[in-house]
Amino acid sequence: MIAYCGLDCAECEAYIATQNNDFEALTALAKKWGENHNTSYRPEDIECGGCQSDRLNKYCNRCGVRDCGLSHGFETCAECRDYPCGKLSQEWKSWHMADWTKAKAALDERSSESD
């Protein structure tokens, strides 16, 4: 369940709530994410089946890293000869350090497996 960017979708609150059909958790998460991003989300905006699915939350649905990985036919960015590229590094800069370092470690592990 590793996303193109290295996040583990199985650990994502939106993914978990969606898989559990937990509308109450999606509602609370929509409020939390809306406050964190200074915007408004509805519960249906954050339903997600994981990065490799067609059911994506509003944020991941417009992810340039995902779009790039899909266009190249990769499962994750670790498969790319340009890993880690500027697009991926720029995406990580917008995250909390603990999130992007964990995501990078997941992709680094996959990248070394393909060497």
Protein backbone atom coordinates (compact mmCIF):
# COMPACT_ATOMS: atom_id res chain seq x y z
CA MET A 1 0.00 0.00 0.00
CA ILE A 2 2.92 2.35 -0.60
CA ALA A 3 1.93 5.45 -2.57
CA TYR A 4 4.04 6.88 -5.39
CA CYS A 5 5.45 9.42 -2.91
CA GLY A 6 6.29 6.80 -0.30
CA LEU A 7 3.41 7.28 2.12
CA ASP A 8 1.89 4.08 3.45
CA CYS A 9 -1.77 4.35 2.43
CA ALA A 10 -2.71 1.62 4.92
CA GLU A 11 -1.69 3.99 7.74
CA CYS A 12 -3.66 6.98 6.38
CA GLU A 13 -6.65 8.06 8.46
CA ALA A 14 -8.73 8.70 5.34
CA TYR A 15 -7.95 5.27 3.90
CA ILE A 16 -8.73 3.52 7.19
CA ALA A 17 -12.03 5.36 7.70
CA THR A 18 -13.03 4.68 4.07
CA GLN A 19 -12.23 0.97 4.35
CA ASN A 20 -14.25 0.78 7.58
CA ASN A 21 -17.17 2.73 6.07
CA ASP A 22 -16.83 4.99 9.10
CA PHE A 23 -18.73 8.15 8.17
CA GLU A 24 -18.25 9.59 11.66
CA ALA A 25 -14.45 9.28 11.36
CA LEU A 26 -14.53 10.77 7.84
CA THR A 27 -16.59 13.70 9.13
CA ALA A 28 -14.15 14.37 11.98
CA LEU A 29 -11.17 14.02 9.63
CA ALA A 30 -12.71 16.38 7.08
CA LYS A 31 -13.05 18.99 9.81
CA LYS A 32 -9.47 18.43 11.02
CA TRP A 33 -7.93 18.52 7.55
CA GLY A 34 -10.00 21.58 6.65
CA GLU A 35 -8.67 23.42 9.68
CA ASN A 36 -5.08 22.29 8.99
CA HIS A 37 -5.25 23.43 5.36
CA ASN A 38 -7.42 26.52 5.90
CA THR A 39 -10.14 25.20 3.61
CA SER A 40 -13.35 23.23 3.81
CA TYR A 41 -13.70 19.50 3.20
CA ARG A 42 -16.78 17.34 3.18
CA PRO A 43 -16.49 13.70 4.32
CA GLU A 44 -16.88 12.51 0.72
CA ASP A 45 -13.94 14.74 -0.29
CA ILE A 46 -11.54 12.65 1.74
CA GLU A 47 -12.79 9.13 1.02
CA CYS A 48 -9.85 7.17 -0.36
CA GLY A 49 -9.06 3.66 -1.54
CA GLY A 50 -5.31 4.22 -1.69
CA CYS A 51 -2.97 5.77 -4.22
CA GLN A 52 -3.19 2.85 -6.65
CA SER A 53 -7.00 3.01 -6.77
CA ASP A 54 -9.43 5.22 -8.66
CA ARG A 55 -11.11 6.30 -5.40
CA LEU A 56 -8.89 9.11 -4.15
CA ASN A 57 -9.35 11.87 -1.65
CA LYS A 58 -9.52 15.43 -2.95
CA TYR A 59 -5.86 16.17 -2.21
CA CYS A 60 -4.38 12.97 -3.66
CA ASN A 61 -6.62 13.18 -6.71
CA ARG A 62 -4.69 16.23 -7.91
CA CYS A 63 -1.22 14.99 -6.89
CA GLY A 64 1.43 15.74 -9.53
CA VAL A 65 3.73 13.05 -8.12
CA ARG A 66 1.00 10.43 -8.56
CA ASP A 67 0.22 11.71 -12.07
CA CYS A 68 3.89 11.43 -13.03
CA GLY A 69 4.23 7.91 -11.64
CA LEU A 70 1.07 6.78 -13.41
CA SER A 71 2.19 8.27 -16.72
CA HIS A 72 5.42 6.27 -16.51
CA GLY A 73 3.70 3.05 -15.46
CA PHE A 74 5.48 2.88 -12.10
CA GLU A 75 4.09 1.48 -8.85
CA THR A 76 6.16 3.99 -6.84
CA CYS A 77 8.66 6.73 -7.56
CA ALA A 78 11.45 4.38 -6.44
CA GLU A 79 11.27 2.71 -9.86
CA CYS A 80 12.23 5.92 -11.65
CA ARG A 81 15.83 6.44 -12.75
CA ASP A 82 15.48 10.09 -11.64
CA TYR A 83 14.47 9.15 -8.07
CA PRO A 84 14.34 11.32 -6.03
CA CYS A 85 13.40 14.05 -8.48
CA GLY A 86 12.63 17.72 -7.88
CA LYS A 87 8.87 17.15 -8.10
CA LEU A 88 8.97 14.54 -5.35
CA SER A 89 11.36 16.55 -3.19
CA GLN A 90 9.13 19.62 -3.53
CA GLU A 91 6.10 17.59 -2.45
CA TRP A 92 7.95 16.30 0.60
CA LYS A 93 8.90 19.86 1.61
CA SER A 94 5.22 20.61 2.21
CA TRP A 95 4.89 17.77 4.76
CA HIS A 96 5.81 17.36 8.40
CA MET A 97 9.38 16.09 8.71
CA ALA A 98 8.35 12.79 10.34
CA ASP A 99 6.03 12.03 7.41
CA TRP A 100 8.46 12.75 4.60
CA THR A 101 11.42 11.04 6.24
CA LYS A 102 9.33 7.89 6.69
CA ALA A 103 8.09 8.13 3.09
CA LYS A 104 11.63 8.62 1.78
CA ALA A 105 12.87 5.63 3.79
CA ALA A 106 10.13 3.43 2.29
CA LEU A 107 11.08 4.50 -1.24
CA ASP A 108 14.83 4.25 -0.55
CA GLU A 109 14.30 0.64 0.51
CA ARG A 110 12.41 -0.13 -2.71
CA SER A 111 14.97 1.71 -4.79
CA SER A 112 17.85 -0.32 -3.36
CA GLU A 113 15.91 -3.55 -4.01
CA SER A 114 15.72 -2.70 -7.72
CA ASP A 115 19.48 -1.97 -8.02
